[in-house]
Every structure is written in C-alpha cells, then in structure tokens.
N, C-alpha and C. Protein backbone atom coordinates (compact mmCIF):
# COMPACT_ATOMS: atom_id res chain seq x y z
N MET A 1 -44.76 -120.27 -116.88
CA MET A 1 -45.22 -119.45 -115.79
C MET A 1 -44.04 -118.75 -115.10
N LYS A 2 -42.95 -119.53 -114.84
CA LYS A 2 -41.77 -118.93 -114.22
C LYS A 2 -41.21 -117.81 -115.09
N ASN A 3 -41.16 -118.06 -116.40
CA ASN A 3 -40.63 -117.05 -117.32
C ASN A 3 -41.48 -115.79 -117.31
N ALA A 4 -42.80 -115.95 -117.23
CA ALA A 4 -43.70 -114.79 -117.19
C ALA A 4 -43.46 -113.97 -115.92
N LEU A 5 -43.32 -114.64 -114.79
CA LEU A 5 -43.06 -113.94 -113.53
C LEU A 5 -41.71 -113.24 -113.55
N LEU A 6 -40.70 -113.91 -114.08
CA LEU A 6 -39.37 -113.32 -114.18
C LEU A 6 -39.39 -112.12 -115.11
N SER A 7 -40.07 -112.23 -116.23
CA SER A 7 -40.17 -111.12 -117.17
C SER A 7 -40.86 -109.93 -116.54
N THR A 8 -41.92 -110.18 -115.80
CA THR A 8 -42.64 -109.09 -115.13
C THR A 8 -41.75 -108.40 -114.11
N ALA A 9 -41.02 -109.17 -113.32
CA ALA A 9 -40.12 -108.59 -112.31
C ALA A 9 -39.04 -107.75 -112.98
N LEU A 10 -38.47 -108.24 -114.07
CA LEU A 10 -37.44 -107.49 -114.78
C LEU A 10 -38.00 -106.21 -115.38
N LEU A 11 -39.20 -106.27 -115.92
CA LEU A 11 -39.83 -105.10 -116.50
C LEU A 11 -40.09 -104.05 -115.43
N LEU A 12 -40.62 -104.46 -114.28
CA LEU A 12 -40.88 -103.53 -113.19
C LEU A 12 -39.59 -102.90 -112.67
N SER A 13 -38.56 -103.68 -112.53
CA SER A 13 -37.30 -103.13 -112.03
C SER A 13 -36.68 -102.17 -113.05
N ALA A 14 -36.89 -102.41 -114.33
CA ALA A 14 -36.36 -101.51 -115.35
C ALA A 14 -37.08 -100.17 -115.33
N CYS A 15 -38.35 -100.15 -114.93
CA CYS A 15 -39.14 -98.93 -114.89
C CYS A 15 -38.95 -98.15 -113.59
N ALA A 16 -38.45 -98.78 -112.56
CA ALA A 16 -38.30 -98.12 -111.27
C ALA A 16 -37.19 -97.08 -111.33
N PRO A 17 -37.36 -95.97 -110.60
CA PRO A 17 -36.30 -94.97 -110.57
C PRO A 17 -35.04 -95.56 -109.93
N THR A 18 -33.90 -95.15 -110.43
CA THR A 18 -32.65 -95.69 -109.90
C THR A 18 -31.96 -94.64 -109.04
N TYR A 19 -31.46 -95.09 -107.93
CA TYR A 19 -30.70 -94.25 -107.02
C TYR A 19 -29.53 -95.08 -106.55
N THR A 20 -28.32 -94.58 -106.77
CA THR A 20 -27.13 -95.34 -106.41
C THR A 20 -26.29 -94.63 -105.36
N GLY A 21 -26.85 -93.58 -104.77
CA GLY A 21 -26.13 -92.83 -103.75
C GLY A 21 -26.14 -93.52 -102.40
N PRO A 22 -25.65 -92.83 -101.39
CA PRO A 22 -25.61 -93.41 -100.04
C PRO A 22 -27.01 -93.64 -99.48
N LYS A 23 -27.11 -94.60 -98.59
CA LYS A 23 -28.40 -94.89 -97.94
C LYS A 23 -28.84 -93.65 -97.16
N PRO A 24 -30.11 -93.28 -97.30
CA PRO A 24 -30.58 -92.11 -96.56
C PRO A 24 -30.49 -92.32 -95.04
N ALA A 25 -30.36 -91.23 -94.31
CA ALA A 25 -30.36 -91.27 -92.85
C ALA A 25 -31.74 -91.69 -92.35
N PRO A 26 -31.87 -92.04 -91.08
CA PRO A 26 -33.16 -92.50 -90.56
C PRO A 26 -34.32 -91.52 -90.78
N ASN A 27 -34.04 -90.24 -90.84
CA ASN A 27 -35.11 -89.25 -91.00
C ASN A 27 -35.12 -88.66 -92.42
N GLU A 28 -34.68 -89.43 -93.42
CA GLU A 28 -34.60 -88.98 -94.81
C GLU A 28 -35.31 -89.93 -95.76
N VAL A 29 -35.78 -89.37 -96.86
CA VAL A 29 -36.29 -90.17 -97.97
C VAL A 29 -35.73 -89.59 -99.26
N ILE A 30 -35.64 -90.46 -100.26
CA ILE A 30 -35.33 -90.04 -101.62
C ILE A 30 -36.57 -90.38 -102.43
N VAL A 31 -37.08 -89.39 -103.15
CA VAL A 31 -38.27 -89.60 -103.97
C VAL A 31 -38.00 -89.15 -105.39
N GLU A 32 -38.76 -89.73 -106.31
CA GLU A 32 -38.78 -89.24 -107.67
C GLU A 32 -40.06 -88.45 -107.83
N ILE A 33 -39.94 -87.24 -108.35
CA ILE A 33 -41.10 -86.38 -108.54
C ILE A 33 -41.48 -86.40 -110.00
N SER A 34 -42.72 -86.80 -110.26
CA SER A 34 -43.24 -86.78 -111.63
C SER A 34 -43.50 -85.33 -112.02
N PRO A 35 -43.29 -85.00 -113.28
CA PRO A 35 -43.55 -83.63 -113.70
C PRO A 35 -45.03 -83.30 -113.56
N ASN A 36 -45.32 -82.11 -113.12
CA ASN A 36 -46.69 -81.63 -112.99
C ASN A 36 -47.20 -81.26 -114.37
N ALA A 37 -48.38 -81.73 -114.72
CA ALA A 37 -48.95 -81.46 -116.04
C ALA A 37 -49.05 -79.96 -116.30
N ALA A 38 -49.38 -79.19 -115.26
CA ALA A 38 -49.52 -77.74 -115.44
C ALA A 38 -48.19 -77.08 -115.76
N LEU A 39 -47.09 -77.71 -115.37
CA LEU A 39 -45.77 -77.13 -115.60
C LEU A 39 -45.00 -77.86 -116.70
N SER A 40 -45.65 -78.74 -117.43
CA SER A 40 -44.95 -79.58 -118.40
C SER A 40 -44.35 -78.80 -119.56
N ASN A 41 -44.85 -77.60 -119.84
CA ASN A 41 -44.31 -76.79 -120.94
C ASN A 41 -43.20 -75.87 -120.48
N SER A 42 -42.78 -76.01 -119.23
CA SER A 42 -41.75 -75.14 -118.68
C SER A 42 -40.42 -75.38 -119.37
N THR A 43 -39.62 -74.34 -119.43
CA THR A 43 -38.27 -74.44 -120.01
C THR A 43 -37.23 -74.72 -118.93
N LEU A 44 -37.66 -74.90 -117.69
CA LEU A 44 -36.73 -75.19 -116.61
C LEU A 44 -36.17 -76.60 -116.74
N ALA A 45 -34.95 -76.78 -116.28
CA ALA A 45 -34.33 -78.11 -116.26
C ALA A 45 -35.07 -79.00 -115.27
N PRO A 46 -35.04 -80.33 -115.49
CA PRO A 46 -35.74 -81.25 -114.57
C PRO A 46 -35.34 -81.07 -113.11
N GLU A 47 -34.07 -80.84 -112.84
CA GLU A 47 -33.62 -80.68 -111.46
C GLU A 47 -34.21 -79.41 -110.83
N GLN A 48 -34.36 -78.35 -111.64
CA GLN A 48 -34.98 -77.13 -111.13
C GLN A 48 -36.47 -77.35 -110.85
N MET A 49 -37.15 -78.06 -111.73
CA MET A 49 -38.56 -78.37 -111.54
C MET A 49 -38.74 -79.25 -110.30
N THR A 50 -37.84 -80.18 -110.07
CA THR A 50 -37.90 -81.06 -108.90
C THR A 50 -37.85 -80.24 -107.62
N GLY A 51 -36.95 -79.28 -107.55
CA GLY A 51 -36.83 -78.42 -106.38
C GLY A 51 -38.08 -77.61 -106.13
N ILE A 52 -38.66 -77.07 -107.19
CA ILE A 52 -39.88 -76.26 -107.06
C ILE A 52 -41.04 -77.13 -106.59
N ARG A 53 -41.19 -78.32 -107.19
CA ARG A 53 -42.29 -79.21 -106.80
C ARG A 53 -42.12 -79.68 -105.36
N GLY A 54 -40.90 -79.99 -104.94
CA GLY A 54 -40.67 -80.40 -103.56
C GLY A 54 -41.06 -79.31 -102.59
N PHE A 55 -40.66 -78.08 -102.89
CA PHE A 55 -41.01 -76.93 -102.06
C PHE A 55 -42.53 -76.75 -101.99
N SER A 56 -43.20 -76.86 -103.11
CA SER A 56 -44.65 -76.66 -103.12
C SER A 56 -45.37 -77.77 -102.36
N LEU A 57 -44.91 -79.02 -102.47
CA LEU A 57 -45.56 -80.11 -101.75
C LEU A 57 -45.42 -79.95 -100.23
N ILE A 58 -44.25 -79.54 -99.77
CA ILE A 58 -44.04 -79.32 -98.33
C ILE A 58 -44.91 -78.15 -97.86
N SER A 59 -45.03 -77.12 -98.68
CA SER A 59 -45.87 -75.97 -98.33
C SER A 59 -47.33 -76.37 -98.20
N VAL A 60 -47.82 -77.21 -99.11
CA VAL A 60 -49.21 -77.68 -99.06
C VAL A 60 -49.44 -78.50 -97.79
N LEU A 61 -48.48 -79.35 -97.42
CA LEU A 61 -48.62 -80.12 -96.18
C LEU A 61 -48.77 -79.19 -94.99
N MET A 62 -47.99 -78.12 -94.97
CA MET A 62 -48.03 -77.16 -93.87
C MET A 62 -49.39 -76.47 -93.79
N ILE A 63 -49.91 -76.08 -94.93
CA ILE A 63 -51.15 -75.32 -94.96
C ILE A 63 -52.34 -76.17 -94.52
N PHE A 64 -52.46 -77.37 -95.05
CA PHE A 64 -53.65 -78.18 -94.78
C PHE A 64 -53.53 -79.08 -93.56
N GLN A 65 -52.38 -79.68 -93.32
CA GLN A 65 -52.16 -80.58 -92.18
C GLN A 65 -53.35 -81.51 -91.96
N SER A 66 -53.84 -82.11 -93.05
CA SER A 66 -55.00 -83.02 -92.97
C SER A 66 -54.54 -84.46 -92.80
N PHE A 67 -53.57 -84.67 -91.93
CA PHE A 67 -52.99 -85.99 -91.69
C PHE A 67 -52.50 -86.02 -90.24
N ASP A 68 -52.16 -87.19 -89.75
CA ASP A 68 -51.63 -87.33 -88.40
C ASP A 68 -50.20 -86.80 -88.39
N THR A 69 -49.99 -85.70 -87.70
CA THR A 69 -48.66 -85.09 -87.65
C THR A 69 -47.75 -85.76 -86.63
N GLY A 70 -48.31 -86.61 -85.80
CA GLY A 70 -47.52 -87.25 -84.76
C GLY A 70 -47.44 -86.44 -83.48
N LEU A 71 -48.03 -85.25 -83.48
CA LEU A 71 -48.02 -84.43 -82.27
C LEU A 71 -48.95 -85.00 -81.21
N PRO A 72 -48.52 -84.98 -79.94
CA PRO A 72 -49.42 -85.45 -78.88
C PRO A 72 -50.53 -84.43 -78.62
N ALA A 73 -51.53 -84.86 -77.86
CA ALA A 73 -52.65 -83.99 -77.50
C ALA A 73 -52.12 -82.74 -76.80
N GLY A 74 -52.79 -81.62 -77.03
CA GLY A 74 -52.43 -80.37 -76.38
C GLY A 74 -51.55 -79.47 -77.23
N TYR A 75 -50.98 -80.02 -78.30
CA TYR A 75 -50.13 -79.21 -79.18
C TYR A 75 -50.94 -78.60 -80.31
N GLU A 76 -50.64 -77.34 -80.61
CA GLU A 76 -51.33 -76.63 -81.70
C GLU A 76 -50.83 -77.15 -83.04
N ARG A 77 -51.54 -76.76 -84.10
CA ARG A 77 -51.08 -77.08 -85.45
C ARG A 77 -49.71 -76.44 -85.68
N PHE A 78 -48.95 -77.04 -86.56
CA PHE A 78 -47.66 -76.43 -86.91
C PHE A 78 -47.90 -75.09 -87.58
N SER A 79 -46.97 -74.18 -87.36
CA SER A 79 -47.03 -72.87 -88.03
C SER A 79 -45.61 -72.48 -88.43
N PHE A 80 -45.52 -71.42 -89.20
CA PHE A 80 -44.23 -70.84 -89.55
C PHE A 80 -43.91 -69.80 -88.48
N PRO A 81 -43.00 -70.09 -87.55
CA PRO A 81 -42.79 -69.18 -86.42
C PRO A 81 -42.22 -67.82 -86.82
N ASP A 82 -41.52 -67.76 -87.93
CA ASP A 82 -40.90 -66.51 -88.35
C ASP A 82 -41.51 -65.98 -89.64
N GLY A 83 -42.76 -66.35 -89.90
CA GLY A 83 -43.43 -65.91 -91.13
C GLY A 83 -42.66 -66.37 -92.35
N ALA A 84 -42.52 -65.48 -93.33
CA ALA A 84 -41.82 -65.81 -94.58
C ALA A 84 -40.37 -66.21 -94.35
N ASP A 85 -39.78 -65.70 -93.27
CA ASP A 85 -38.38 -66.04 -92.97
C ASP A 85 -38.22 -67.48 -92.50
N SER A 86 -39.33 -68.18 -92.28
CA SER A 86 -39.26 -69.59 -91.90
C SER A 86 -38.92 -70.48 -93.08
N MET A 87 -38.94 -69.92 -94.27
CA MET A 87 -38.58 -70.64 -95.50
C MET A 87 -37.29 -70.02 -96.01
N THR A 88 -36.25 -70.82 -96.12
CA THR A 88 -34.94 -70.31 -96.53
C THR A 88 -34.46 -71.07 -97.75
N ARG A 89 -34.05 -70.32 -98.75
CA ARG A 89 -33.45 -70.95 -99.92
C ARG A 89 -31.96 -71.11 -99.65
N ILE A 90 -31.46 -72.31 -99.90
CA ILE A 90 -30.04 -72.61 -99.69
C ILE A 90 -29.37 -72.62 -101.07
N GLY A 91 -28.22 -72.00 -101.18
CA GLY A 91 -27.49 -72.02 -102.44
C GLY A 91 -27.76 -70.80 -103.31
N GLU A 92 -27.20 -70.85 -104.49
CA GLU A 92 -27.27 -69.74 -105.44
C GLU A 92 -28.65 -69.59 -106.05
N LYS A 93 -28.95 -68.38 -106.48
CA LYS A 93 -30.27 -68.07 -107.06
C LYS A 93 -30.57 -68.92 -108.29
N ASP A 94 -29.60 -69.17 -109.13
CA ASP A 94 -29.81 -69.93 -110.36
C ASP A 94 -29.70 -71.44 -110.16
N ALA A 95 -29.29 -71.87 -108.98
CA ALA A 95 -29.15 -73.30 -108.70
C ALA A 95 -30.53 -73.91 -108.46
N PRO A 96 -30.68 -75.22 -108.61
CA PRO A 96 -31.95 -75.86 -108.29
C PRO A 96 -32.39 -75.52 -106.86
N MET A 97 -33.69 -75.41 -106.64
CA MET A 97 -34.25 -74.91 -105.38
C MET A 97 -34.06 -75.89 -104.22
N HIS A 98 -33.02 -75.65 -103.44
CA HIS A 98 -32.76 -76.39 -102.21
C HIS A 98 -33.33 -75.52 -101.10
N MET A 99 -34.34 -76.05 -100.39
CA MET A 99 -35.06 -75.25 -99.40
C MET A 99 -34.97 -75.84 -98.00
N ARG A 100 -35.05 -74.95 -97.03
CA ARG A 100 -35.17 -75.36 -95.64
C ARG A 100 -36.38 -74.63 -95.06
N ALA A 101 -37.28 -75.39 -94.45
CA ALA A 101 -38.48 -74.80 -93.84
C ALA A 101 -38.49 -75.12 -92.35
N HIS A 102 -38.89 -74.13 -91.56
CA HIS A 102 -38.94 -74.26 -90.11
C HIS A 102 -40.40 -74.22 -89.68
N TRP A 103 -40.85 -75.27 -89.01
CA TRP A 103 -42.21 -75.32 -88.47
C TRP A 103 -42.11 -75.38 -86.95
N ARG A 104 -43.15 -74.86 -86.27
CA ARG A 104 -43.19 -74.92 -84.80
C ARG A 104 -44.62 -75.24 -84.35
N SER A 105 -44.71 -76.04 -83.30
CA SER A 105 -45.98 -76.30 -82.63
C SER A 105 -45.75 -76.09 -81.14
N VAL A 106 -46.70 -75.43 -80.48
CA VAL A 106 -46.56 -75.11 -79.07
C VAL A 106 -47.71 -75.72 -78.28
N ASN A 107 -47.39 -76.20 -77.10
CA ASN A 107 -48.42 -76.65 -76.16
C ASN A 107 -48.68 -75.45 -75.26
N ALA A 108 -49.85 -74.82 -75.43
CA ALA A 108 -50.17 -73.60 -74.70
C ALA A 108 -50.19 -73.81 -73.18
N ALA A 109 -50.59 -74.98 -72.75
CA ALA A 109 -50.70 -75.26 -71.31
C ALA A 109 -49.33 -75.37 -70.64
N THR A 110 -48.35 -75.93 -71.35
CA THR A 110 -47.04 -76.17 -70.73
C THR A 110 -45.96 -75.22 -71.23
N GLY A 111 -46.19 -74.60 -72.38
CA GLY A 111 -45.18 -73.73 -72.98
C GLY A 111 -44.11 -74.48 -73.76
N HIS A 112 -44.17 -75.81 -73.76
CA HIS A 112 -43.22 -76.60 -74.52
C HIS A 112 -43.47 -76.43 -76.01
N ALA A 113 -42.42 -76.62 -76.79
CA ALA A 113 -42.53 -76.47 -78.24
C ALA A 113 -41.90 -77.66 -78.94
N VAL A 114 -42.40 -77.93 -80.13
CA VAL A 114 -41.80 -78.90 -81.04
C VAL A 114 -41.36 -78.11 -82.26
N GLU A 115 -40.08 -78.23 -82.59
CA GLU A 115 -39.52 -77.54 -83.76
C GLU A 115 -39.23 -78.58 -84.83
N VAL A 116 -39.57 -78.29 -86.06
CA VAL A 116 -39.31 -79.20 -87.17
C VAL A 116 -38.58 -78.43 -88.26
N LEU A 117 -37.50 -79.02 -88.76
CA LEU A 117 -36.79 -78.48 -89.92
C LEU A 117 -36.98 -79.45 -91.08
N TRP A 118 -37.51 -78.95 -92.18
CA TRP A 118 -37.62 -79.69 -93.43
C TRP A 118 -36.46 -79.24 -94.30
N ASP A 119 -35.80 -80.15 -94.92
CA ASP A 119 -34.72 -79.82 -95.86
C ASP A 119 -35.00 -80.60 -97.14
N SER A 120 -35.28 -79.90 -98.23
CA SER A 120 -35.54 -80.59 -99.50
C SER A 120 -34.49 -80.14 -100.50
N GLN A 121 -33.82 -81.14 -101.09
CA GLN A 121 -32.69 -80.84 -101.97
C GLN A 121 -32.73 -81.72 -103.22
N PRO A 122 -32.82 -81.10 -104.41
CA PRO A 122 -32.72 -81.89 -105.64
C PRO A 122 -31.35 -82.53 -105.71
N ILE A 123 -31.30 -83.80 -106.10
CA ILE A 123 -30.01 -84.50 -106.15
C ILE A 123 -29.72 -85.06 -107.54
N GLY A 124 -30.44 -84.57 -108.53
CA GLY A 124 -30.19 -84.99 -109.90
C GLY A 124 -31.47 -85.39 -110.61
N GLY A 125 -31.72 -84.79 -111.74
CA GLY A 125 -32.90 -85.13 -112.52
C GLY A 125 -34.16 -84.91 -111.72
N LYS A 126 -34.97 -85.96 -111.61
CA LYS A 126 -36.26 -85.87 -110.91
C LYS A 126 -36.15 -86.34 -109.46
N LEU A 127 -34.93 -86.61 -108.97
CA LEU A 127 -34.76 -87.12 -107.60
C LEU A 127 -34.62 -85.97 -106.60
N LEU A 128 -35.29 -86.16 -105.46
CA LEU A 128 -35.29 -85.16 -104.40
C LEU A 128 -35.00 -85.86 -103.08
N LYS A 129 -34.07 -85.31 -102.30
CA LYS A 129 -33.79 -85.82 -100.96
C LYS A 129 -34.51 -84.91 -99.97
N VAL A 130 -35.30 -85.51 -99.09
CA VAL A 130 -36.03 -84.74 -98.08
C VAL A 130 -35.66 -85.27 -96.71
N ARG A 131 -35.28 -84.34 -95.84
CA ARG A 131 -34.91 -84.69 -94.46
C ARG A 131 -35.84 -83.91 -93.53
N VAL A 132 -36.36 -84.59 -92.51
CA VAL A 132 -37.18 -83.95 -91.49
C VAL A 132 -36.49 -84.19 -90.15
N THR A 133 -36.23 -83.10 -89.43
CA THR A 133 -35.59 -83.21 -88.11
C THR A 133 -36.49 -82.52 -87.09
N ALA A 134 -36.95 -83.26 -86.11
CA ALA A 134 -37.81 -82.71 -85.06
C ALA A 134 -37.03 -82.66 -83.76
N THR A 135 -37.20 -81.55 -83.04
CA THR A 135 -36.61 -81.39 -81.71
C THR A 135 -37.71 -80.84 -80.79
N THR A 136 -37.52 -81.01 -79.50
CA THR A 136 -38.55 -80.53 -78.58
C THR A 136 -37.94 -80.19 -77.22
N THR A 137 -38.67 -79.36 -76.48
CA THR A 137 -38.30 -79.05 -75.11
C THR A 137 -39.08 -79.94 -74.14
N ASP A 138 -39.93 -80.81 -74.67
CA ASP A 138 -40.80 -81.69 -73.88
C ASP A 138 -40.29 -83.12 -73.95
N GLY A 139 -39.80 -83.64 -72.85
CA GLY A 139 -39.24 -84.99 -72.82
C GLY A 139 -40.26 -86.09 -73.08
N ASN A 140 -41.55 -85.77 -73.05
CA ASN A 140 -42.60 -86.76 -73.29
C ASN A 140 -42.99 -86.86 -74.76
N VAL A 141 -42.41 -86.07 -75.62
CA VAL A 141 -42.76 -86.07 -77.04
C VAL A 141 -41.79 -86.99 -77.79
N ASN A 142 -42.35 -87.85 -78.61
CA ASN A 142 -41.57 -88.78 -79.42
C ASN A 142 -41.26 -88.11 -80.77
N THR A 143 -40.06 -87.54 -80.88
CA THR A 143 -39.72 -86.82 -82.11
C THR A 143 -39.58 -87.75 -83.31
N GLY A 144 -39.17 -89.00 -83.07
CA GLY A 144 -39.09 -89.97 -84.17
C GLY A 144 -40.45 -90.23 -84.78
N ARG A 145 -41.50 -90.29 -83.95
CA ARG A 145 -42.86 -90.48 -84.45
C ARG A 145 -43.29 -89.29 -85.30
N ILE A 146 -42.95 -88.09 -84.88
CA ILE A 146 -43.30 -86.89 -85.65
C ILE A 146 -42.58 -86.92 -86.99
N GLU A 147 -41.28 -87.21 -86.98
CA GLU A 147 -40.53 -87.29 -88.24
C GLU A 147 -41.14 -88.33 -89.18
N ASP A 148 -41.44 -89.51 -88.64
CA ASP A 148 -42.05 -90.57 -89.46
C ASP A 148 -43.40 -90.15 -90.03
N SER A 149 -44.23 -89.52 -89.20
CA SER A 149 -45.56 -89.09 -89.65
C SER A 149 -45.46 -88.06 -90.76
N LEU A 150 -44.58 -87.09 -90.60
CA LEU A 150 -44.43 -86.04 -91.61
C LEU A 150 -43.86 -86.60 -92.90
N LEU A 151 -42.85 -87.47 -92.80
CA LEU A 151 -42.29 -88.08 -94.01
C LEU A 151 -43.32 -88.97 -94.71
N ARG A 152 -44.11 -89.70 -93.94
CA ARG A 152 -45.16 -90.55 -94.53
C ARG A 152 -46.17 -89.69 -95.30
N ALA A 153 -46.58 -88.58 -94.71
CA ALA A 153 -47.52 -87.68 -95.39
C ALA A 153 -46.91 -87.13 -96.67
N PHE A 154 -45.63 -86.77 -96.61
CA PHE A 154 -44.96 -86.25 -97.81
C PHE A 154 -44.89 -87.31 -98.89
N VAL A 155 -44.45 -88.51 -98.53
CA VAL A 155 -44.29 -89.59 -99.51
C VAL A 155 -45.63 -89.98 -100.13
N ASN A 156 -46.72 -89.82 -99.38
CA ASN A 156 -48.04 -90.14 -99.90
C ASN A 156 -48.62 -89.05 -100.78
N SER A 157 -47.87 -87.97 -100.99
CA SER A 157 -48.33 -86.89 -101.86
C SER A 157 -48.46 -87.39 -103.29
N LYS A 158 -49.33 -86.75 -104.02
CA LYS A 158 -49.55 -87.10 -105.42
C LYS A 158 -48.27 -86.85 -106.24
N ASP A 159 -48.03 -87.67 -107.22
CA ASP A 159 -46.94 -87.52 -108.17
C ASP A 159 -45.55 -87.83 -107.60
N LEU A 160 -45.49 -88.57 -106.48
CA LEU A 160 -44.19 -88.96 -105.92
C LEU A 160 -44.05 -90.48 -105.97
N THR A 161 -42.81 -90.92 -106.16
CA THR A 161 -42.48 -92.33 -106.07
C THR A 161 -41.34 -92.46 -105.08
N LEU A 162 -41.55 -93.25 -104.03
CA LEU A 162 -40.49 -93.47 -103.05
C LEU A 162 -39.39 -94.30 -103.69
N VAL A 163 -38.16 -93.81 -103.58
CA VAL A 163 -37.01 -94.50 -104.15
C VAL A 163 -36.17 -95.15 -103.05
N ALA A 164 -35.96 -94.43 -101.95
CA ALA A 164 -35.17 -94.97 -100.83
C ALA A 164 -35.64 -94.30 -99.55
N ARG A 165 -35.58 -95.06 -98.46
CA ARG A 165 -35.99 -94.53 -97.16
C ARG A 165 -34.96 -94.95 -96.12
N GLY A 166 -34.67 -94.07 -95.18
CA GLY A 166 -33.67 -94.35 -94.18
C GLY A 166 -34.11 -95.30 -93.09
N ARG A 167 -35.40 -95.42 -92.81
CA ARG A 167 -35.86 -96.31 -91.74
C ARG A 167 -36.44 -97.55 -92.30
C-alpha cells in the first residue's frame, strides 16, 4: 500500500509543470497554458502561442465579467478607459506576446475610480506569468481583494494549470 501511494505521488509530480524561477510576487501567478485545440495546427512556437492565449483569456474575462471582481457596491463594471489603447504590447513585434491591459471601474456617486493593470508575459514554453495591480482613489476599497478575485477568475479559466502563486 505504501509503495502504491509513493508511486502515485511520484507519477503526479513527474506530470506537473516545473517552474524553477523566483517566487511570484503577492499579486502574481505562474500558469501553464494547454494548447488550444483550434490552434493546435499553428506553426507558432509554444511561447508565442502562450502569449496569445494569455491575452485572449484576459480579454474574455474583461468582456464577460461573470465572476466576483472584488469591487464594492456602487462601482460599475470594468471597462477599457482608453479603448484599444488600453491594451499595449510590450517588446518587439516578433517576440512572444507580452501584454499590458488597463481596466477602470468608476463609482458614479463618488467619482472614485479603481484602476487595474494586467501584465501577462510568456516566460518559456507554455509558462505564463500574470501580474494584476489594482490602485484606487477610494480609501475604503480593498485593492488586495480585487487583485485576488481577478487572479482567481483567471486561474479558473479553462486550459490553465496553476504552477506557482505569490500569496
């Protein structure tokens, strides 16, 4: 029985994605992105596909927001405050897609805003580092809760495996 349990643990650890880099910051996660079946015939390198999939998953979260965003009552849904300019590609055109997205939510009654920056960066193969940073002009808003809620929603996306988390 002990040998069976030990064998199972070794097998599971051998199948788990490996990450040997630095521990993520409190508002960061490292995930492994499984290849999308629709894109499986692509000629892009795995790191390039990882960047594209990370960007698309964050975009889907923004569009649907069918999860607890961590925003307190009175705040509107997140939006792209600068339209298409709210999404910025970092790095060279041919490099894997490292993206930064800017989201904003406003409390119409008080005029306070919550700003969120998403940073998704391929870090090798199928691994993606995602950082969420929330700031606000409202001292009553818990930005850590917003960061946690958004990262939780991202990590719960289909085709992702959590590899490391900062909190």
